[in-house]
Amino acid sequence: MSTRSLLRIPHTKGLPPPIIIPRNANNPLGASNALYEFLTAPPSSSLRNTPKHDRGTILLTGAGISVASGLADYRGEKGTYTLNQTYRPIYFNEFSSNHEARKRYWARSFFGFVNLNKSKPNSTHHAVRELGELGVVDSVITQNVDSFHPRAHPSLSTIELHGYLRSVVCLTCRSEVPRADFQRFLSSLNPSWAEKLDEAVRTGALDTEDREERAKRGLRSNPDGDVEIPDAPYSTFRYPPCPECMKKQQSKLDNGEDVKIEVDQDGAWLPTSNAGVLKPAVIMFGESIPVAVKAAAEEALDAASRILVMGSSLATYSAFRLVRRARENGMPIGILNVGGVRGEEELYQGLVGENKGARA
C-alpha cells in the first residue's frame, strides 16, 4: 500500500460532455434500468481475486448531491467555477502562515456558517441510507464536508475524504472545537460583524444560495460555507486561539520552542503568538490528506465489488485516483452525474458494446 501523501488540488478547467453508457440510459427509465442492472449484477469476472459472494457497492459522492440541500457546488450549471472564472479557494499554506488571510477566511465563514448550519440532508442522502439497509451499499466515501452522510445514515460507514466543517482543529495540538461553539466565540469578538450578520438574516439576504439573487443583495456565495462580502473590512475581523493550547503554555513545540500564545484585551489571537491557530477540520486545497484516511478509503474500495460515483465530476485528483484504482482492480464503475467527469474515456476504455449496465 502506498504511503505517499496526497494533496487536494483544484481542477478548474471545463469537462467534456458525458459518455452515456449504456446508450439507452439517456432518459429516466433507461437510466433507472441500467442502475438496477449495475447494482444487482453478480461480481465481475474481471475483479482481482474474484469473490464467490458479492462484496457490495461502495459509493463515492461529491458536491452535486448536496445542491438540493441548498448548498453551492463547484462545477455545476450554477457552480462557482462555472459562473466565476476568477474565483480561487484559499490554500492551506496561505491560511496557516498568513494572519490577514485567516481574518478574511473566518469573516466570510462567519456569514456562510448560518446557512450551512441550518441545512439538512436531502432525499439522496436518505436513499443512500435505504440502500445500506437493503444491503446493496456497504460503505460511502464522500468528498463533501457538510456531514450530511453521517447524519442521514449513522450506521452506514462513511469516510470523509476531505474532512468536515462541523469542527475546527488546532494546527498545534490537533484538538477540536465544535464549529457552533467557535461561531459564538467569533460573534463575541466581533460585535459589529455580528450586527451585520443579524441584519443579513433579518432581511433574508442569506436565505438563498442562488448566486445571482445573493449578488443583488450584496453577497456572493461559494462552496463550503464561504460568503464573499464586497468591500468588507476583513482586516478588522478577529478570531480566538485554541483553548487547549491556552491551558498548556508551559509545553514545547516540535522544534523545541516554548508555546507562546498572546491575545488582545478581548481574548483574540495575536500574530506575536507561535501556536494555537484554529482551522476548519477540512482538507484545504494544497493540504495533504491524512495517511490514515487515505488508507481507509483504499481498504474500503478494495473490499467492494463495484463503485458508484454520485454527484462528482472527479475533478479533484484525490477522488479520481480512487476510481482509477477501481478500474485497475477490475471493478465495474457507475457514474451518476449531471455533466461529464474527468478521465471518462480512460475509465470506460474497452467496454463491450452490448453492456446493459452491469459493467458501467
Protein backbone atom coordinates (compact mmCIF):
# COMPACT_ATOMS: atom_id res chain seq x y z
CA MET A 1 0.00 0.00 0.00
CA SER A 2 1.37 3.38 -0.98
CA THR A 3 2.17 5.76 1.91
CA ARG A 4 2.77 8.81 -0.26
CA SER A 5 0.81 11.85 0.84
CA LEU A 6 -1.99 13.20 -1.33
CA LEU A 7 -2.72 16.87 -1.88
CA ARG A 8 -6.15 18.31 -2.53
CA ILE A 9 -5.68 20.36 -5.71
CA PRO A 10 -8.49 22.18 -7.55
CA HIS A 11 -9.12 21.42 -11.23
CA THR A 12 -10.91 24.40 -12.74
CA LYS A 13 -10.91 23.56 -16.45
CA GLY A 14 -14.11 22.61 -18.21
CA LEU A 15 -15.03 18.97 -18.74
CA PRO A 16 -16.33 17.27 -21.90
CA PRO A 17 -19.96 16.13 -22.26
CA PRO A 18 -20.73 12.82 -20.51
CA ILE A 19 -20.39 9.45 -22.20
CA ILE A 20 -23.81 7.75 -21.90
CA ILE A 21 -23.42 4.03 -21.13
CA PRO A 22 -25.49 2.05 -21.97
CA ARG A 23 -26.87 4.16 -24.82
CA ASN A 24 -30.49 3.79 -23.68
CA ALA A 25 -29.61 5.39 -20.32
CA ASN A 26 -30.31 8.79 -21.87
CA ASN A 27 -33.78 9.01 -20.28
CA PRO A 28 -35.09 8.38 -16.74
CA LEU A 29 -36.44 4.89 -17.44
CA GLY A 30 -33.34 3.74 -19.28
CA ALA A 31 -31.08 5.19 -16.59
CA SER A 32 -33.11 3.51 -13.81
CA ASN A 33 -32.92 0.14 -15.56
CA ALA A 34 -29.18 0.50 -16.11
CA LEU A 35 -28.64 1.44 -12.47
CA TYR A 36 -30.66 -1.57 -11.29
CA GLU A 37 -28.62 -3.82 -13.56
CA PHE A 38 -25.40 -2.30 -12.23
CA LEU A 39 -26.30 -2.69 -8.54
CA THR A 40 -27.68 -6.23 -8.79
CA ALA A 41 -25.24 -7.85 -11.23
CA PRO A 42 -23.04 -10.69 -9.91
CA PRO A 43 -19.39 -9.84 -9.18
CA SER A 44 -17.45 -9.19 -12.36
CA SER A 45 -15.11 -11.94 -13.55
CA SER A 46 -12.56 -9.16 -14.16
CA LEU A 47 -12.20 -8.48 -10.43
CA ARG A 48 -8.87 -9.26 -8.86
CA ASN A 49 -9.34 -12.38 -6.75
CA THR A 50 -12.93 -12.77 -7.96
CA PRO A 51 -15.05 -13.46 -4.84
CA LYS A 52 -17.62 -16.23 -4.58
CA HIS A 53 -20.08 -13.79 -2.99
CA ASP A 54 -20.97 -10.20 -3.87
CA ARG A 55 -18.95 -7.81 -1.74
CA GLY A 56 -21.41 -4.99 -2.31
CA THR A 57 -21.19 -1.48 -3.72
CA ILE A 58 -19.14 1.43 -2.46
CA LEU A 59 -20.35 4.96 -3.17
CA LEU A 60 -18.11 7.92 -3.96
CA THR A 61 -20.10 11.15 -3.61
CA GLY A 62 -19.45 14.80 -4.42
CA ALA A 63 -20.96 18.26 -4.04
CA GLY A 64 -23.65 17.63 -6.65
CA ILE A 65 -25.74 15.56 -4.25
CA SER A 66 -25.91 18.41 -1.70
CA VAL A 67 -27.15 21.11 -4.08
CA ALA A 68 -30.75 20.06 -3.29
CA SER A 69 -29.99 20.88 0.36
CA GLY A 70 -29.36 24.50 -0.63
CA LEU A 71 -25.56 24.36 -0.79
CA ALA A 72 -23.40 25.75 -3.58
CA ASP A 73 -21.21 23.48 -5.70
CA TYR A 74 -18.05 23.99 -7.74
CA ARG A 75 -18.72 22.83 -11.28
CA GLY A 76 -22.50 22.52 -11.75
CA GLU A 77 -24.55 24.69 -14.08
CA LYS A 78 -24.55 27.43 -11.44
CA GLY A 79 -21.35 26.33 -9.73
CA THR A 80 -18.65 28.73 -8.59
CA TYR A 81 -16.09 27.74 -11.23
CA THR A 82 -18.79 27.96 -13.93
CA LEU A 83 -20.02 31.45 -13.08
CA ASN A 84 -16.89 33.00 -11.56
CA GLN A 85 -13.79 32.16 -13.57
CA THR A 86 -11.59 34.30 -11.30
CA TYR A 87 -12.54 32.53 -8.06
CA ARG A 88 -9.77 30.73 -6.21
CA PRO A 89 -10.23 28.99 -2.86
CA ILE A 90 -7.82 29.63 -0.02
CA TYR A 91 -4.83 27.30 0.10
CA PHE A 92 -3.53 25.61 3.23
CA ASN A 93 -0.12 27.31 3.22
CA GLU A 94 -1.82 30.70 2.85
CA PHE A 95 -4.18 30.02 5.76
CA SER A 96 -1.53 28.55 8.05
CA SER A 97 1.09 31.26 7.51
CA ASN A 98 -0.89 34.47 6.98
CA HIS A 99 -2.80 36.21 9.78
CA GLU A 100 -4.63 38.54 7.37
CA ALA A 101 -5.69 35.60 5.18
CA ARG A 102 -7.16 33.91 8.26
CA LYS A 103 -9.09 37.07 9.17
CA ARG A 104 -10.57 37.13 5.68
CA TYR A 105 -11.39 33.42 5.75
CA TRP A 106 -13.10 33.49 9.14
CA ALA A 107 -15.07 36.68 8.37
CA ARG A 108 -16.55 35.03 5.26
CA SER A 109 -17.11 31.75 7.08
CA PHE A 110 -18.85 33.66 9.89
CA PHE A 111 -21.56 34.60 7.39
CA GLY A 112 -21.52 31.32 5.49
CA PHE A 113 -21.98 29.15 8.57
CA VAL A 114 -25.57 30.33 9.06
CA ASN A 115 -26.98 28.51 6.02
CA LEU A 116 -24.61 25.59 6.36
CA ASN A 117 -25.69 25.04 9.96
CA LYS A 118 -29.41 25.01 9.20
CA SER A 119 -29.20 22.92 6.01
CA LYS A 120 -30.15 19.26 6.17
CA PRO A 121 -29.57 16.01 4.28
CA ASN A 122 -31.87 15.63 1.28
CA SER A 123 -33.66 12.72 -0.38
CA THR A 124 -30.44 11.46 -1.99
CA HIS A 125 -28.75 11.02 1.39
CA HIS A 126 -31.82 9.22 2.71
CA ALA A 127 -31.88 7.00 -0.39
CA VAL A 128 -28.29 6.04 0.41
CA ARG A 129 -29.43 5.06 3.90
CA GLU A 130 -32.15 2.84 2.39
CA LEU A 131 -29.66 1.21 0.03
CA GLY A 132 -27.50 0.47 3.04
CA GLU A 133 -30.43 -1.04 4.92
CA LEU A 134 -31.17 -3.24 1.89
CA GLY A 135 -27.59 -4.48 1.87
CA VAL A 136 -26.90 -3.02 -1.58
CA VAL A 137 -24.41 -0.39 -0.40
CA ASP A 138 -21.74 -1.36 2.11
CA SER A 139 -19.87 1.93 2.59
CA VAL A 140 -19.54 5.52 1.42
CA ILE A 141 -16.54 7.68 0.59
CA THR A 142 -17.53 11.33 0.33
CA GLN A 143 -15.65 14.39 -0.85
CA ASN A 144 -18.25 16.55 0.87
CA VAL A 145 -17.54 18.37 4.12
CA ASP A 146 -21.18 19.05 5.09
CA SER A 147 -21.58 15.96 7.35
CA PHE A 148 -24.87 15.02 5.65
CA HIS A 149 -23.87 11.40 5.13
CA PRO A 150 -23.11 10.56 8.78
CA ARG A 151 -26.24 12.48 9.81
CA ALA A 152 -28.50 10.65 7.34
CA HIS A 153 -27.13 7.14 7.86
CA PRO A 154 -25.00 6.87 11.03
CA SER A 155 -25.00 3.07 10.87
CA LEU A 156 -23.55 3.00 7.33
CA SER A 157 -19.80 3.56 7.23
CA THR A 158 -18.77 6.96 5.83
CA ILE A 159 -15.19 8.01 5.10
CA GLU A 160 -14.97 11.81 4.86
CA LEU A 161 -12.10 12.12 2.40
CA HIS A 162 -11.77 15.89 2.71
CA GLY A 163 -12.70 16.24 6.38
CA TYR A 164 -15.71 18.10 7.78
CA LEU A 165 -16.92 21.59 8.67
CA ARG A 166 -18.68 20.59 11.91
CA SER A 167 -15.47 21.28 13.89
CA VAL A 168 -12.36 23.41 13.86
CA VAL A 169 -8.99 21.86 14.65
CA CYS A 170 -5.83 23.30 16.21
CA LEU A 171 -2.75 23.27 13.99
CA THR A 172 -0.57 22.84 17.09
CA CYS A 173 -2.22 20.27 19.38
CA ARG A 174 -4.85 18.84 16.95
CA SER A 175 -7.66 19.20 19.49
CA GLU A 176 -11.08 20.07 18.05
CA VAL A 177 -13.75 22.62 18.93
CA PRO A 178 -17.35 22.30 17.65
CA ARG A 179 -17.93 24.81 14.87
CA ALA A 180 -21.14 26.06 16.55
CA ASP A 181 -19.14 26.96 19.68
CA PHE A 182 -16.48 28.63 17.54
CA GLN A 183 -19.22 30.70 15.86
CA ARG A 184 -20.24 32.04 19.27
CA PHE A 185 -16.62 32.93 20.03
CA LEU A 186 -16.38 34.82 16.73
CA SER A 187 -19.60 36.66 17.46
CA SER A 188 -18.40 37.84 20.88
CA LEU A 189 -15.06 39.04 19.46
CA ASN A 190 -16.68 40.86 16.54
CA PRO A 191 -19.83 42.67 17.74
CA SER A 192 -20.08 44.99 14.70
CA TRP A 193 -19.81 41.99 12.37
CA ALA A 194 -22.41 40.16 14.44
CA GLU A 195 -24.78 43.10 13.91
CA LYS A 196 -24.22 42.90 10.13
CA LEU A 197 -24.89 39.18 10.23
CA ASP A 198 -28.10 39.69 12.22
CA GLU A 199 -29.21 42.25 9.63
CA ALA A 200 -28.44 39.84 6.77
CA VAL A 201 -30.50 37.15 8.48
CA ARG A 202 -33.34 39.58 9.23
CA THR A 203 -33.54 40.85 5.64
CA GLY A 204 -33.32 37.37 4.15
CA ALA A 205 -30.01 38.06 2.37
CA LEU A 206 -28.76 34.62 3.43
CA ASP A 207 -31.95 32.74 2.61
CA THR A 208 -30.79 31.69 -0.83
CA GLU A 209 -27.69 30.04 -2.31
CA ASP A 210 -28.62 31.39 -5.75
CA ARG A 211 -25.57 33.42 -6.75
CA GLU A 212 -27.50 35.95 -8.85
CA GLU A 213 -30.02 36.58 -6.07
CA ARG A 214 -27.29 36.97 -3.47
CA ALA A 215 -25.37 39.36 -5.72
CA LYS A 216 -28.42 41.61 -5.80
CA ARG A 217 -28.23 41.71 -2.01
CA GLY A 218 -24.50 42.48 -1.90
CA LEU A 219 -23.27 38.95 -1.24
CA ARG A 220 -21.61 36.23 -3.33
CA SER A 221 -21.81 32.59 -2.24
CA ASN A 222 -19.17 29.93 -2.80
CA PRO A 223 -18.96 26.27 -1.73
CA ASP A 224 -18.08 25.06 1.76
CA GLY A 225 -19.76 27.88 3.66
CA ASP A 226 -17.87 30.78 2.09
CA VAL A 227 -19.73 34.06 1.56
CA GLU A 228 -17.95 36.88 -0.26
CA ILE A 229 -18.84 40.35 1.04
CA PRO A 230 -17.70 43.07 -1.40
CA ASP A 231 -15.69 45.93 0.16
CA ALA A 232 -15.92 44.39 3.64
CA PRO A 233 -13.24 45.46 6.16
CA TYR A 234 -11.82 41.95 6.61
CA SER A 235 -8.74 43.27 8.41
CA THR A 236 -10.91 44.23 11.41
CA PHE A 237 -12.11 40.68 11.98
CA ARG A 238 -10.74 38.79 15.00
CA TYR A 239 -10.61 35.11 15.93
CA PRO A 240 -9.78 33.22 19.14
CA PRO A 241 -6.85 30.89 19.89
CA CYS A 242 -7.10 27.21 20.68
CA PRO A 243 -8.49 26.87 24.22
CA GLU A 244 -6.41 23.73 24.89
CA CYS A 245 -3.16 25.41 23.90
CA MET A 246 -4.03 28.33 26.17
CA LYS A 247 -4.02 25.87 29.07
CA LYS A 248 -0.64 24.38 28.08
CA GLN A 249 1.64 27.33 27.55
CA GLN A 250 4.38 25.61 29.53
CA SER A 251 4.71 22.94 26.84
CA LYS A 252 7.13 22.82 23.91
CA LEU A 253 6.66 22.88 20.15
CA ASP A 254 8.21 20.17 17.98
CA ASN A 255 11.14 22.49 17.22
CA GLY A 256 11.86 22.91 20.94
CA GLU A 257 10.45 26.44 21.28
CA ASP A 258 8.15 27.27 24.15
CA VAL A 259 4.49 27.57 23.22
CA LYS A 260 3.61 31.25 23.24
CA ILE A 261 0.07 32.50 22.73
CA GLU A 262 -0.69 36.18 23.13
CA VAL A 263 -4.17 37.69 22.96
CA ASP A 264 -5.64 41.18 22.93
CA GLN A 265 -7.79 42.63 25.69
CA ASP A 266 -10.82 40.66 24.49
CA GLY A 267 -9.05 37.34 24.02
CA ALA A 268 -8.39 37.41 20.25
CA TRP A 269 -5.28 35.66 18.87
CA LEU A 270 -2.35 38.00 18.15
CA PRO A 271 0.31 37.46 15.44
CA THR A 272 3.08 37.59 18.06
CA SER A 273 1.94 34.07 19.00
CA ASN A 274 3.65 30.94 17.66
CA ALA A 275 0.89 28.39 18.30
CA GLY A 276 -2.83 27.88 18.86
CA VAL A 277 -4.17 28.63 15.35
CA LEU A 278 -7.53 27.04 14.67
CA LYS A 279 -8.55 25.99 11.15
CA PRO A 280 -11.67 24.27 9.79
CA ALA A 281 -11.35 20.49 10.12
CA VAL A 282 -11.40 20.13 6.33
CA ILE A 283 -8.61 19.26 3.96
CA MET A 284 -7.91 22.61 2.36
CA PHE A 285 -6.62 22.87 -1.19
CA GLY A 286 -2.89 22.22 -1.13
CA GLU A 287 -3.14 20.27 2.14
CA SER A 288 -2.24 16.61 2.48
CA ILE A 289 -4.97 14.08 3.17
CA PRO A 290 -4.06 12.20 6.37
CA VAL A 291 -2.39 8.84 5.68
CA ALA A 292 -4.98 7.04 7.85
CA VAL A 293 -7.87 8.50 5.82
CA LYS A 294 -6.19 7.64 2.52
CA ALA A 295 -5.56 4.07 3.72
CA ALA A 296 -9.14 3.65 4.99
CA ALA A 297 -10.54 4.80 1.63
CA GLU A 298 -8.32 2.38 -0.28
CA GLU A 299 -9.21 -0.52 2.02
CA ALA A 300 -12.94 0.18 1.70
CA LEU A 301 -12.61 0.40 -2.08
CA ASP A 302 -10.64 -2.85 -2.35
CA ALA A 303 -13.26 -4.65 -0.24
CA ALA A 304 -16.12 -3.79 -2.64
CA SER A 305 -17.34 -5.46 -5.84
CA ARG A 306 -18.20 -2.22 -7.66
CA ILE A 307 -18.08 1.56 -7.26
CA LEU A 308 -20.86 4.07 -7.96
CA VAL A 309 -19.90 7.75 -8.30
CA MET A 310 -22.70 10.20 -7.47
CA GLY A 311 -22.69 13.97 -7.96
CA SER A 312 -18.98 14.29 -8.63
CA SER A 313 -17.00 15.33 -11.71
CA LEU A 314 -13.91 13.63 -10.20
CA ALA A 315 -12.02 16.84 -10.94
CA THR A 316 -10.16 16.57 -7.63
CA TYR A 317 -7.33 14.08 -8.01
CA SER A 318 -7.84 12.56 -4.56
CA ALA A 319 -11.21 11.29 -5.81
CA PHE A 320 -10.19 10.49 -9.39
CA ARG A 321 -7.34 8.27 -8.25
CA LEU A 322 -9.78 6.10 -6.28
CA VAL A 323 -11.86 5.45 -9.41
CA ARG A 324 -8.69 4.78 -11.37
CA ARG A 325 -7.73 2.29 -8.65
CA ALA A 326 -11.16 0.67 -9.03
CA ARG A 327 -10.52 0.23 -12.75
CA GLU A 328 -7.11 -1.31 -12.02
CA ASN A 329 -8.91 -3.70 -9.64
CA GLY A 330 -11.25 -4.74 -12.47
CA MET A 331 -14.28 -3.24 -10.72
CA PRO A 332 -17.40 -2.13 -12.63
CA ILE A 333 -17.68 1.68 -12.47
CA GLY A 334 -21.00 3.53 -12.44
CA ILE A 335 -21.34 7.32 -12.64
CA LEU A 336 -24.46 9.36 -11.84
CA ASN A 337 -23.71 12.98 -12.63
CA VAL A 338 -25.31 15.91 -14.44
CA GLY A 339 -22.26 16.51 -16.67
CA GLY A 340 -19.10 14.77 -17.78
CA VAL A 341 -16.36 13.66 -15.42
CA ARG A 342 -12.61 13.71 -15.51
CA GLY A 343 -10.99 10.89 -17.48
CA GLU A 344 -14.18 9.17 -18.67
CA GLU A 345 -12.52 7.81 -21.82
CA GLU A 346 -9.80 6.21 -19.70
CA LEU A 347 -12.24 4.77 -17.18
CA TYR A 348 -14.54 3.25 -19.81
CA GLN A 349 -11.90 2.19 -22.32
CA GLY A 350 -12.63 -1.20 -23.90
CA LEU A 351 -16.16 -1.53 -22.53
CA VAL A 352 -18.17 -4.01 -24.57
CA GLY A 353 -20.97 -2.52 -26.67
CA GLU A 354 -23.65 -4.97 -25.52
CA ASN A 355 -23.26 -3.92 -21.89
CA LYS A 356 -26.68 -3.13 -20.32
CA GLY A 357 -25.37 -1.54 -17.15
CA ALA A 358 -23.70 -4.42 -15.31
CA ARG A 359 -20.20 -3.12 -16.05
CA ALA A 360 -20.88 0.62 -16.30
